[in-house]
PDB file of N, CA and C in Angstrom:
ATOM      1  N   MET A   1     139.012  97.770  91.538  1.00  0.00           N
ATOM      2  CA  MET A   1     137.729  97.503  92.170  1.00  0.00           C
ATOM      3  C   MET A   1     137.148  98.761  92.608  1.00  0.00           C
ATOM      4  N   ALA A   2     135.767  98.754  92.730  1.00  0.00           N
ATOM      5  CA  ALA A   2     135.036 100.061  92.662  1.00  0.00           C
ATOM      6  C   ALA A   2     135.029 100.567  94.197  1.00  0.00           C
ATOM      7  N   SER A   3     134.979 101.875  94.356  1.00  0.00           N
ATOM      8  CA  SER A   3     135.032 102.526  95.818  1.00  0.00           C
ATOM      9  C   SER A   3     133.514 102.435  96.417  1.00  0.00           C
ATOM     10  N   ASP A   4     133.659 102.581  97.628  1.00  0.00           N
ATOM     11  CA  ASP A   4     132.341 102.687  98.333  1.00  0.00           C
ATOM     12  C   ASP A   4     131.264 103.592  97.770  1.00  0.00           C
ATOM     13  N   GLU A   5     131.929 104.687  97.398  1.00  0.00           N
ATOM     14  CA  GLU A   5     131.023 105.888  96.923  1.00  0.00           C
ATOM     15  C   GLU A   5     130.564 105.538  95.547  1.00  0.00           C
ATOM     16  N   ASP A   6     131.305 104.760  94.644  1.00  0.00           N
ATOM     17  CA  ASP A   6     130.831 104.396  93.413  1.00  0.00           C
ATOM     18  C   ASP A   6     129.707 103.296  93.452  1.00  0.00           C
ATOM     19  N   LEU A   7     129.901 102.528  94.472  1.00  0.00           N
ATOM     20  CA  LEU A   7     129.000 101.379  94.689  1.00  0.00           C
ATOM     21  C   LEU A   7     127.347 102.162  95.278  1.00  0.00           C
ATOM     22  N   LYS A   8     127.764 102.983  95.972  1.00  0.00           N
ATOM     23  CA  LYS A   8     126.505 103.570  96.644  1.00  0.00           C
ATOM     24  C   LYS A   8     125.857 104.508  95.436  1.00  0.00           C
ATOM     25  N   ALA A   9     126.456 105.158  94.566  1.00  0.00           N
ATOM     26  CA  ALA A   9     125.944 105.804  93.472  1.00  0.00           C
ATOM     27  C   ALA A   9     125.282 104.899  92.573  1.00  0.00           C
ATOM     28  N   GLU A  10     125.873 103.727  92.150  1.00  0.00           N
ATOM     29  CA  GLU A  10     125.317 102.787  91.346  1.00  0.00           C
ATOM     30  C   GLU A  10     123.973 102.255  92.051  1.00  0.00           C
ATOM     31  N   ILE A  11     124.023 101.869  93.273  1.00  0.00           N
ATOM     32  CA  ILE A  11     122.761 101.232  93.959  1.00  0.00           C
ATOM     33  C   ILE A  11     121.752 102.421  93.919  1.00  0.00           C
ATOM     34  N   GLU A  12     121.833 103.679  94.134  1.00  0.00           N
ATOM     35  CA  GLU A  12     121.031 104.728  93.992  1.00  0.00           C
ATOM     36  C   GLU A  12     120.400 104.765  92.570  1.00  0.00           C
ATOM     37  N   ARG A  13     121.204 104.718  91.622  1.00  0.00           N
ATOM     38  CA  ARG A  13     120.879 104.863  90.222  1.00  0.00           C
ATOM     39  C   ARG A  13     119.850 103.854  90.007  1.00  0.00           C
ATOM     40  N   LEU A  14     120.302 102.489  90.389  1.00  0.00           N
ATOM     41  CA  LEU A  14     119.248 101.338  89.970  1.00  0.00           C
ATOM     42  C   LEU A  14     118.167 101.337  90.939  1.00  0.00           C
ATOM     43  N   ARG A  15     118.053 101.829  92.020  1.00  0.00           N
ATOM     44  CA  ARG A  15     116.934 102.189  92.711  1.00  0.00           C
ATOM     45  C   ARG A  15     115.801 102.981  92.009  1.00  0.00           C
ATOM     46  N   ALA A  16     116.390 104.280  91.573  1.00  0.00           N
ATOM     47  CA  ALA A  16     115.565 105.077  90.839  1.00  0.00           C
ATOM     48  C   ALA A  16     115.159 104.450  89.671  1.00  0.00           C
ATOM     49  N   GLU A  17     115.899 103.619  88.834  1.00  0.00           N
ATOM     50  CA  GLU A  17     115.624 102.998  87.583  1.00  0.00           C
ATOM     51  C   GLU A  17     114.389 101.960  87.816  1.00  0.00           C
ATOM     52  N   ASN A  18     114.506 101.241  88.880  1.00  0.00           N
ATOM     53  CA  ASN A  18     113.605 100.295  89.330  1.00  0.00           C
ATOM     54  C   ASN A  18     112.029 100.992  89.601  1.00  0.00           C
ATOM     55  N   GLU A  19     112.300 102.089  90.432  1.00  0.00           N
ATOM     56  CA  GLU A  19     111.114 102.839  90.649  1.00  0.00           C
ATOM     57  C   GLU A  19     110.252 103.327  89.335  1.00  0.00           C
ATOM     58  N   ALA A  20     111.030 103.825  88.536  1.00  0.00           N
ATOM     59  CA  ALA A  20     110.431 104.231  87.314  1.00  0.00           C
ATOM     60  C   ALA A  20     110.010 103.282  86.435  1.00  0.00           C
ATOM     61  N   LEU A  21     110.593 101.944  86.443  1.00  0.00           N
ATOM     62  CA  LEU A  21     110.068 100.779  85.829  1.00  0.00           C
ATOM     63  C   LEU A  21     108.649 100.188  86.428  1.00  0.00           C
ATOM     64  N   LYS A  22     108.400 100.638  87.625  1.00  0.00           N
ATOM     65  CA  LYS A  22     107.269 100.057  88.358  1.00  0.00           C
ATOM     66  C   LYS A  22     105.943 100.925  87.999  1.00  0.00           C
ATOM     67  N   LYS A  23     106.139 102.238  87.360  1.00  0.00           N
ATOM     68  CA  LYS A  23     105.219 103.036  87.064  1.00  0.00           C
ATOM     69  C   LYS A  23     104.949 102.959  85.638  1.00  0.00           C
ATOM     70  N   PRO A  24     103.667 102.576  85.052  1.00  0.00           N
ATOM     71  CA  PRO A  24     103.597 102.305  83.720  1.00  0.00           C
ATOM     72  C   PRO A  24     103.452 103.766  83.063  1.00  0.00           C
ATOM     73  N   ALA A  25     104.153 103.834  81.903  1.00  0.00           N
ATOM     74  CA  ALA A  25     104.223 105.121  81.097  1.00  0.00           C
ATOM     75  C   ALA A  25     102.757 105.359  80.635  1.00  0.00           C
ATOM     76  N   ARG A  26     102.487 106.712  80.381  1.00  0.00           N
ATOM     77  CA  ARG A  26     101.096 107.075  79.969  1.00  0.00           C
ATOM     78  C   ARG A  26     100.953 106.496  78.501  1.00  0.00           C
ATOM     79  N   GLY A  27      99.730 105.805  78.350  1.00  0.00           N
ATOM     80  CA  GLY A  27      99.395 105.175  77.025  1.00  0.00           C
ATOM     81  C   GLY A  27      99.990 104.004  77.038  1.00  0.00           C
ATOM     82  N   GLN A  28     100.634 103.295  77.932  1.00  0.00           N
ATOM     83  CA  GLN A  28     101.177 102.143  78.020  1.00  0.00           C
ATOM     84  C   GLN A  28     100.282 100.986  78.498  1.00  0.00           C
ATOM     85  N   MET A  29     100.101  99.918  77.962  1.00  0.00           N
ATOM     86  CA  MET A  29      99.225  98.863  78.391  1.00  0.00           C
ATOM     87  C   MET A  29      99.950  98.007  79.416  1.00  0.00           C
ATOM     88  N   SER A  30      99.291  97.698  80.476  1.00  0.00           N
ATOM     89  CA  SER A  30      99.949  96.638  81.422  1.00  0.00           C
ATOM     90  C   SER A  30      98.858  95.616  81.889  1.00  0.00           C
ATOM     91  N   LEU A  31      99.399  94.548  82.178  1.00  0.00           N
ATOM     92  CA  LEU A  31      98.423  93.300  82.782  1.00  0.00           C
ATOM     93  C   LEU A  31      98.928  92.961  84.088  1.00  0.00           C
ATOM     94  N   LYS A  32      97.843  92.412  84.644  1.00  0.00           N
ATOM     95  CA  LYS A  32      98.085  91.969  86.121  1.00  0.00           C
ATOM     96  C   LYS A  32      97.238  90.732  86.281  1.00  0.00           C
ATOM     97  N   VAL A  33      97.994  89.461  86.813  1.00  0.00           N
ATOM     98  CA  VAL A  33      97.182  88.348  87.106  1.00  0.00           C
ATOM     99  C   VAL A  33      97.116  88.020  88.616  1.00  0.00           C
ATOM    100  N   SER A  34      95.928  87.863  89.008  1.00  0.00           N
ATOM    101  CA  SER A  34      95.691  87.707  90.500  1.00  0.00           C
ATOM    102  C   SER A  34      96.078  86.381  90.821  1.00  0.00           C
ATOM    103  N   GLU A  35      96.008  86.182  92.134  1.00  0.00           N
ATOM    104  CA  GLU A  35      96.325  84.715  92.692  1.00  0.00           C
ATOM    105  C   GLU A  35      95.395  83.731  92.179  1.00  0.00           C
ATOM    106  N   LYS A  36      94.067  84.163  92.040  1.00  0.00           N
ATOM    107  CA  LYS A  36      93.280  83.224  91.625  1.00  0.00           C
ATOM    108  C   LYS A  36      93.296  82.931  90.014  1.00  0.00           C
ATOM    109  N   GLY A  37      93.981  83.646  89.441  1.00  0.00           N
ATOM    110  CA  GLY A  37      94.138  83.399  87.832  1.00  0.00           C
ATOM    111  C   GLY A  37      93.385  84.427  87.215  1.00  0.00           C
ATOM    112  N   GLY A  38      92.719  85.418  87.648  1.00  0.00           N
ATOM    113  CA  GLY A  38      92.102  86.537  86.965  1.00  0.00           C
ATOM    114  C   GLY A  38      92.940  87.499  86.374  1.00  0.00           C
ATOM    115  N   LEU A  39      92.799  87.977  84.970  1.00  0.00           N
ATOM    116  CA  LEU A  39      93.441  88.821  84.390  1.00  0.00           C
ATOM    117  C   LEU A  39      92.910  90.179  84.362  1.00  0.00           C
ATOM    118  N   SER A  40      93.696  91.239  84.764  1.00  0.00           N
ATOM    119  CA  SER A  40      93.214  92.639  84.514  1.00  0.00           C
ATOM    120  C   SER A  40      94.091  93.467  83.497  1.00  0.00           C
ATOM    121  N   VAL A  41      93.465  94.098  82.695  1.00  0.00           N
ATOM    122  CA  VAL A  41      94.199  94.733  81.686  1.00  0.00           C
ATOM    123  C   VAL A  41      94.100  96.265  81.866  1.00  0.00           C
ATOM    124  N   TYR A  42      95.066  97.001  82.060  1.00  0.00           N
ATOM    125  CA  TYR A  42      95.072  98.657  82.439  1.00  0.00           C
ATOM    126  C   TYR A  42      95.718  99.239  81.246  1.00  0.00           C
ATOM    127  N   GLY A  43      95.118 100.504  80.816  1.00  0.00           N
ATOM    128  CA  GLY A  43      95.720 101.278  79.976  1.00  0.00           C
ATOM    129  C   GLY A  43      94.888 101.291  78.706  1.00  0.00           C
ATOM    130  N   LEU A  44      93.690 100.697  78.526  1.00  0.00           N
ATOM    131  CA  LEU A  44      92.896 100.606  77.389  1.00  0.00           C
ATOM    132  C   LEU A  44      92.049 101.863  77.207  1.00  0.00           C
ATOM    133  N   GLY A  45      91.721 102.536  78.208  1.00  0.00           N
ATOM    134  CA  GLY A  45      90.803 103.625  78.244  1.00  0.00           C
ATOM    135  C   GLY A  45      91.257 105.008  77.851  1.00  0.00           C
TER     136      GLY A  45
END
């Protein structure tokens, strides 16, 4: 079974990975759908 330190390190690693995934990479296209169904496209310019 994993120790508390191992679990804390894994949680911190996953949090950092999650934050990195939230930010689109340069040159990467992303889409966003609004509550009303409108579509926004980012990263084309």
